[in-house]
Amino acid sequence: MKKQIVVPIDYSVISKGLIQLADEWAARMSAKLHFLHVNRPPEVSYYPGRFEQVDQRNDSKELQLLENYLAPLHIKSEFDISHEYGTPYFKIVELVESVGADLVIMAAHSHTMLGRLFMGSNTDYVVHHVHCPIYVYRQLKPDIAKIVLVPLDFSEANKMVAEKAVAWAERTESEVHFVHVMTPIDYSYYGAEASWGMGKAELDVTEDQGLEAMEKFLSPIQITVPEKRVILFGSTSYLRILEYQKEIRACMLMLAGHDHTVAGRIFLGSNTDYLLHHVDVPMYVYKS
């Protein structure tokens, strides 16, 4: 059965790069693309002539604009287009569910506010509510390195992410860095003993144990690309992962979403959620 990829677009400059990337994904996956553009509903007033104008509107003009926008991009994959009026993130999720999408590819449209990087509301909502993997597209900076960063927590979902990361790195001639964050031992309870060198020895053992666990976890996966395995220490995993991503200038993060339902809404795990809002490179979030 042919796979389905949903691609929301908004005619922004970044959408052209997004569409070309989606075409490449579709070619690799033998998938069909579903391009969607959503407009907010027209404003309605109590002026009778305004009601008449609203009643006469239809999708034909919007679909023609969408066709004209896509035509110069010479998309090679099979695709269809659709236009909706309504709240964009609701319409995107509706399309994902109606076509049984295997993947969503959409732009982050982030902006800085009080020093923190936030995704656009549409992307943020869709990431939290769809049940399939999502690729959050961001334009890369010129000085970025060809490194795919894969944080591991040794869960079953991470095995699929690791396999996809290797396949991605193989296609793009990139290197993969597998990273696991461990909480350091608090030696304050041992008083002066930590200053005698005992703390460092115990910390080394802990790092060795982390590398052994990573070796055991990755052993069933055939890794055919250059790789590096790193144990980081920190009380907050997402901060250490973000620091490491900036340090090595990784071009992409790939990780599992670990979502769960709370009061009817799907939330990602805190690590994934934080990184989605703060990294400035693309992210692939695997959700099964």
Protein backbone atom coordinates (compact mmCIF):
# COMPACT_ATOMS: atom_id res chain seq x y z
CA MET A 1 0.00 0.00 0.00
CA LYS A 2 1.35 3.42 -0.97
CA LYS A 3 2.54 5.56 1.90
CA GLN A 4 1.08 9.01 2.49
CA ILE A 5 2.90 12.23 3.39
CA VAL A 6 1.03 15.38 4.45
CA VAL A 7 2.78 18.68 3.67
CA PRO A 8 1.15 21.92 4.90
CA ILE A 9 2.39 24.98 2.99
CA ASP A 10 1.74 28.70 3.28
CA TYR A 11 3.50 30.34 0.29
CA SER A 12 6.36 31.57 2.46
CA VAL A 13 9.95 31.46 1.19
CA ILE A 14 10.72 28.51 3.45
CA SER A 15 7.86 26.50 1.92
CA LYS A 16 9.73 26.06 -1.37
CA GLY A 17 12.62 24.29 0.36
CA LEU A 18 10.08 22.28 2.34
CA ILE A 19 8.31 21.14 -0.85
CA GLN A 20 11.56 20.05 -2.52
CA LEU A 21 12.53 18.11 0.59
CA ALA A 22 9.08 16.46 0.68
CA ASP A 23 9.51 15.42 -2.95
CA GLU A 24 12.79 13.71 -2.05
CA TRP A 25 11.16 11.92 0.90
CA ALA A 26 8.30 10.75 -1.29
CA ALA A 27 10.72 9.36 -3.88
CA ARG A 28 12.57 7.36 -1.22
CA MET A 29 9.40 6.11 0.44
CA SER A 30 7.42 5.55 -2.79
CA ALA A 31 4.83 7.80 -1.19
CA LYS A 32 2.10 10.17 -2.31
CA LEU A 33 2.26 13.80 -1.21
CA HIS A 34 -0.77 15.70 0.08
CA PHE A 35 -0.17 19.46 -0.10
CA LEU A 36 -2.54 21.52 2.02
CA HIS A 37 -3.04 25.27 2.25
CA VAL A 38 -5.40 26.66 4.88
CA ASN A 39 -6.85 30.16 4.97
CA ARG A 40 -8.54 31.68 7.94
CA PRO A 41 -12.31 31.99 7.46
CA PRO A 42 -13.36 35.33 5.88
CA GLU A 43 -14.47 37.96 8.35
CA VAL A 44 -18.23 38.26 8.50
CA SER A 45 -20.03 41.50 9.32
CA TYR A 46 -23.67 42.41 9.60
CA TYR A 47 -23.46 44.42 6.39
CA PRO A 48 -25.75 42.57 3.91
CA GLY A 49 -23.37 43.00 0.97
CA ARG A 50 -20.62 41.34 2.98
CA PHE A 51 -22.76 38.24 3.51
CA GLU A 52 -23.33 38.06 -0.24
CA GLN A 53 -19.58 38.22 -0.88
CA VAL A 54 -18.88 35.44 1.64
CA ASP A 55 -21.60 33.22 0.15
CA GLN A 56 -20.06 33.49 -3.31
CA ARG A 57 -16.53 32.41 -2.25
CA ASN A 58 -15.30 28.94 -3.18
CA ASP A 59 -12.04 27.01 -3.34
CA SER A 60 -11.50 27.24 -7.09
CA LYS A 61 -9.43 30.44 -6.95
CA GLU A 62 -7.37 29.20 -4.00
CA LEU A 63 -6.70 25.86 -5.69
CA GLN A 64 -5.55 27.66 -8.82
CA LEU A 65 -3.15 29.76 -6.76
CA LEU A 66 -1.82 26.60 -5.17
CA GLU A 67 -1.34 24.93 -8.56
CA ASN A 68 0.49 28.01 -9.87
CA TYR A 69 2.75 28.05 -6.81
CA LEU A 70 3.71 24.37 -7.21
CA ALA A 71 4.12 24.30 -11.01
CA PRO A 72 7.62 25.88 -11.22
CA LEU A 73 8.96 23.45 -8.62
CA HIS A 74 8.63 20.45 -11.00
CA ILE A 75 7.53 17.94 -8.39
CA LYS A 76 8.34 14.41 -9.56
CA SER A 77 6.30 12.44 -7.02
CA GLU A 78 2.59 11.74 -7.16
CA PHE A 79 0.68 14.41 -5.28
CA ASP A 80 -2.67 16.04 -4.75
CA ILE A 81 -3.61 19.49 -3.45
CA SER A 82 -6.33 20.71 -1.18
CA HIS A 83 -7.48 24.00 0.26
CA GLU A 84 -9.48 24.59 3.42
CA TYR A 85 -10.95 27.51 5.33
CA GLY A 86 -10.59 27.25 9.07
CA THR A 87 -8.05 26.99 11.86
CA PRO A 88 -4.87 25.71 10.18
CA TYR A 89 -3.73 23.24 12.82
CA PHE A 90 -7.18 21.65 13.09
CA LYS A 91 -7.37 21.20 9.32
CA ILE A 92 -3.87 19.74 9.17
CA VAL A 93 -4.65 17.14 11.83
CA GLU A 94 -7.95 16.31 10.09
CA LEU A 95 -6.11 15.64 6.82
CA VAL A 96 -3.46 13.54 8.58
CA GLU A 97 -6.19 11.36 10.06
CA SER A 98 -8.33 11.16 6.91
CA VAL A 99 -5.49 9.93 4.64
CA GLY A 100 -3.84 7.79 7.34
CA ALA A 101 -0.58 9.70 6.95
CA ASP A 102 2.72 7.91 7.52
CA LEU A 103 4.62 11.17 7.89
CA VAL A 104 4.04 14.92 8.25
CA ILE A 105 6.60 17.36 6.91
CA MET A 106 6.09 20.97 7.94
CA ALA A 107 8.04 24.12 8.74
CA ALA A 108 8.70 25.36 12.26
CA HIS A 109 8.16 29.08 11.59
CA SER A 110 9.92 29.93 14.82
CA HIS A 111 10.61 33.36 16.25
CA THR A 112 12.47 34.70 19.25
CA MET A 113 10.59 36.11 22.23
CA LEU A 114 12.38 37.18 25.41
CA GLY A 115 15.39 35.12 24.41
CA ARG A 116 13.51 31.83 23.94
CA LEU A 117 12.90 30.15 20.59
CA PHE A 118 9.27 29.16 20.04
CA MET A 119 7.72 27.25 17.18
CA GLY A 120 4.68 28.63 15.43
CA SER A 121 1.37 27.65 16.99
CA ASN A 122 0.36 25.48 14.01
CA THR A 123 3.53 23.39 14.11
CA ASP A 124 3.44 23.11 17.87
CA TYR A 125 -0.15 21.85 17.90
CA VAL A 126 0.37 19.36 15.07
CA VAL A 127 3.52 17.89 16.64
CA HIS A 128 1.60 17.24 19.84
CA HIS A 129 -1.54 15.78 18.29
CA VAL A 130 -0.66 13.60 15.30
CA HIS A 131 0.08 9.92 15.83
CA CYS A 132 2.64 9.49 13.03
CA PRO A 133 6.26 10.66 12.71
CA ILE A 134 6.80 14.32 11.93
CA TYR A 135 9.73 16.11 10.34
CA VAL A 136 10.03 19.72 11.53
CA TYR A 137 11.85 21.63 8.80
CA ARG A 138 14.19 24.53 9.46
CA GLN A 139 16.60 26.15 7.04
CA LEU A 140 20.19 25.25 7.85
CA LYS A 141 22.92 27.77 8.57
CA PRO A 142 26.03 27.73 6.34
CA ASP A 143 28.44 26.59 9.09
CA ILE A 144 26.49 23.50 10.07
CA ALA A 145 28.24 20.11 10.27
CA LYS A 146 27.07 16.91 8.59
CA ILE A 147 26.26 15.22 11.88
CA VAL A 148 22.96 13.58 12.82
CA LEU A 149 22.45 13.69 16.58
CA VAL A 150 20.44 10.84 18.15
CA PRO A 151 19.68 11.06 21.89
CA LEU A 152 19.08 7.58 23.32
CA ASP A 153 17.13 6.46 26.36
CA PHE A 154 17.31 2.74 25.44
CA SER A 155 13.56 2.46 24.80
CA GLU A 156 12.10 0.30 22.04
CA ALA A 157 11.06 3.40 20.10
CA ASN A 158 14.69 4.52 20.03
CA LYS A 159 15.71 1.41 18.09
CA MET A 160 13.61 2.52 15.13
CA VAL A 161 15.02 6.05 15.42
CA ALA A 162 18.59 4.72 15.41
CA GLU A 163 17.90 2.69 12.27
CA LYS A 164 16.37 5.71 10.52
CA ALA A 165 19.30 7.88 11.56
CA VAL A 166 21.79 5.43 10.03
CA ALA A 167 19.77 5.33 6.80
CA TRP A 168 19.58 9.13 6.71
CA ALA A 169 23.31 9.50 7.34
CA GLU A 170 24.09 6.95 4.65
CA ARG A 171 22.10 8.90 2.06
CA THR A 172 23.55 12.26 3.03
CA GLU A 173 27.11 11.05 3.72
CA SER A 174 26.84 12.22 7.32
CA GLU A 175 28.12 11.03 10.67
CA VAL A 176 25.87 9.84 13.50
CA HIS A 177 26.41 10.77 17.14
CA PHE A 178 24.54 8.58 19.62
CA VAL A 179 24.18 10.38 22.95
CA HIS A 180 22.91 9.24 26.34
CA VAL A 181 22.54 11.63 29.26
CA MET A 182 23.18 10.29 32.76
CA THR A 183 22.45 12.02 36.05
CA PRO A 184 25.76 12.43 37.91
CA ILE A 185 26.18 11.00 41.38
CA ASP A 186 25.83 13.61 44.09
CA TYR A 187 28.95 13.21 46.23
CA SER A 188 28.02 15.95 48.66
CA TYR A 189 26.78 13.27 51.07
CA TYR A 190 30.28 11.84 51.28
CA GLY A 191 31.77 15.05 52.61
CA ALA A 192 35.51 15.37 52.20
CA GLU A 193 35.81 11.95 50.57
CA ALA A 194 35.02 13.49 47.16
CA SER A 195 38.18 15.59 47.41
CA TRP A 196 40.30 12.47 47.94
CA GLY A 197 39.73 11.33 44.38
CA MET A 198 37.06 8.74 45.13
CA GLY A 199 34.36 10.72 43.31
CA LYS A 200 36.24 10.76 40.01
CA ALA A 201 36.83 7.00 40.13
CA GLU A 202 33.15 6.30 40.73
CA LEU A 203 32.16 8.72 37.97
CA ASP A 204 34.43 6.88 35.51
CA VAL A 205 32.75 3.61 36.36
CA THR A 206 29.34 5.18 35.78
CA GLU A 207 30.42 6.41 32.35
CA ASP A 208 31.72 2.96 31.47
CA GLN A 209 28.41 1.47 32.47
CA GLY A 210 26.62 3.95 30.23
CA LEU A 211 28.80 3.04 27.25
CA GLU A 212 28.26 -0.66 27.93
CA ALA A 213 24.49 -0.14 27.97
CA MET A 214 24.72 1.81 24.70
CA GLU A 215 26.81 -0.96 23.12
CA LYS A 216 24.24 -3.57 24.13
CA PHE A 217 21.37 -1.43 22.85
CA LEU A 218 22.96 -0.67 19.47
CA SER A 219 24.46 -4.12 18.83
CA PRO A 220 21.46 -5.47 16.82
CA ILE A 221 21.54 -2.43 14.52
CA GLN A 222 23.75 -2.55 11.45
CA ILE A 223 25.64 0.73 11.50
CA THR A 224 27.23 1.46 8.13
CA VAL A 225 28.27 5.09 8.64
CA PRO A 226 30.88 6.88 10.76
CA GLU A 227 29.59 7.14 14.31
CA LYS A 228 30.44 8.43 17.75
CA ARG A 229 29.01 7.31 21.11
CA VAL A 230 28.90 9.89 23.86
CA ILE A 231 27.85 9.80 27.51
CA LEU A 232 26.89 13.21 28.88
CA PHE A 233 26.23 14.08 32.51
CA GLY A 234 23.61 16.52 33.71
CA SER A 235 20.52 16.76 35.87
CA THR A 236 18.45 17.97 32.90
CA SER A 237 18.75 15.84 29.76
CA TYR A 238 17.39 18.35 27.25
CA LEU A 239 19.80 21.09 28.30
CA ARG A 240 22.82 18.82 27.87
CA ILE A 241 21.55 17.59 24.50
CA LEU A 242 21.01 21.16 23.31
CA GLU A 243 24.47 22.19 24.51
CA TYR A 244 26.05 19.25 22.72
CA GLN A 245 24.12 19.96 19.50
CA LYS A 246 25.41 23.53 19.47
CA GLU A 247 28.94 22.39 20.33
CA ILE A 248 29.23 19.96 17.41
CA ARG A 249 26.90 22.01 15.12
CA ALA A 250 24.80 18.93 14.29
CA CYS A 251 22.60 19.44 11.24
CA MET A 252 19.68 17.38 12.54
CA LEU A 253 18.16 15.76 15.62
CA MET A 254 16.29 12.47 15.44
CA LEU A 255 14.49 11.18 18.52
CA ALA A 256 11.40 9.45 19.83
CA GLY A 257 8.38 11.42 20.97
CA HIS A 258 7.25 9.27 23.91
CA ASP A 259 3.77 10.77 23.90
CA HIS A 260 0.97 10.06 26.32
CA THR A 261 -2.58 11.27 26.77
CA VAL A 262 -3.50 13.76 29.49
CA ALA A 263 -7.08 15.09 29.65
CA GLY A 264 -7.60 14.19 26.03
CA ARG A 265 -4.50 15.94 24.66
CA ILE A 266 -1.31 14.26 23.53
CA PHE A 267 1.87 15.69 25.03
CA LEU A 268 5.40 14.74 24.10
CA GLY A 269 7.97 13.91 26.71
CA SER A 270 9.62 16.94 28.30
CA ASN A 271 12.98 16.35 26.57
CA THR A 272 11.48 16.18 23.09
CA ASP A 273 9.13 19.08 23.73
CA TYR A 274 11.90 21.37 24.97
CA LEU A 275 14.23 20.55 22.10
CA LEU A 276 11.49 21.15 19.52
CA HIS A 277 11.14 24.69 20.82
CA HIS A 278 14.81 25.52 21.21
CA VAL A 279 16.95 23.90 18.50
CA ASP A 280 17.61 25.82 15.30
CA VAL A 281 18.04 22.77 13.04
CA PRO A 282 15.52 20.27 11.63
CA MET A 283 14.10 17.58 13.89
CA TYR A 284 12.61 14.20 13.09
CA VAL A 285 10.28 12.97 15.84
CA TYR A 286 9.33 9.33 15.68
CA LYS A 287 5.88 8.42 16.99
CA SER A 288 4.44 4.95 16.60
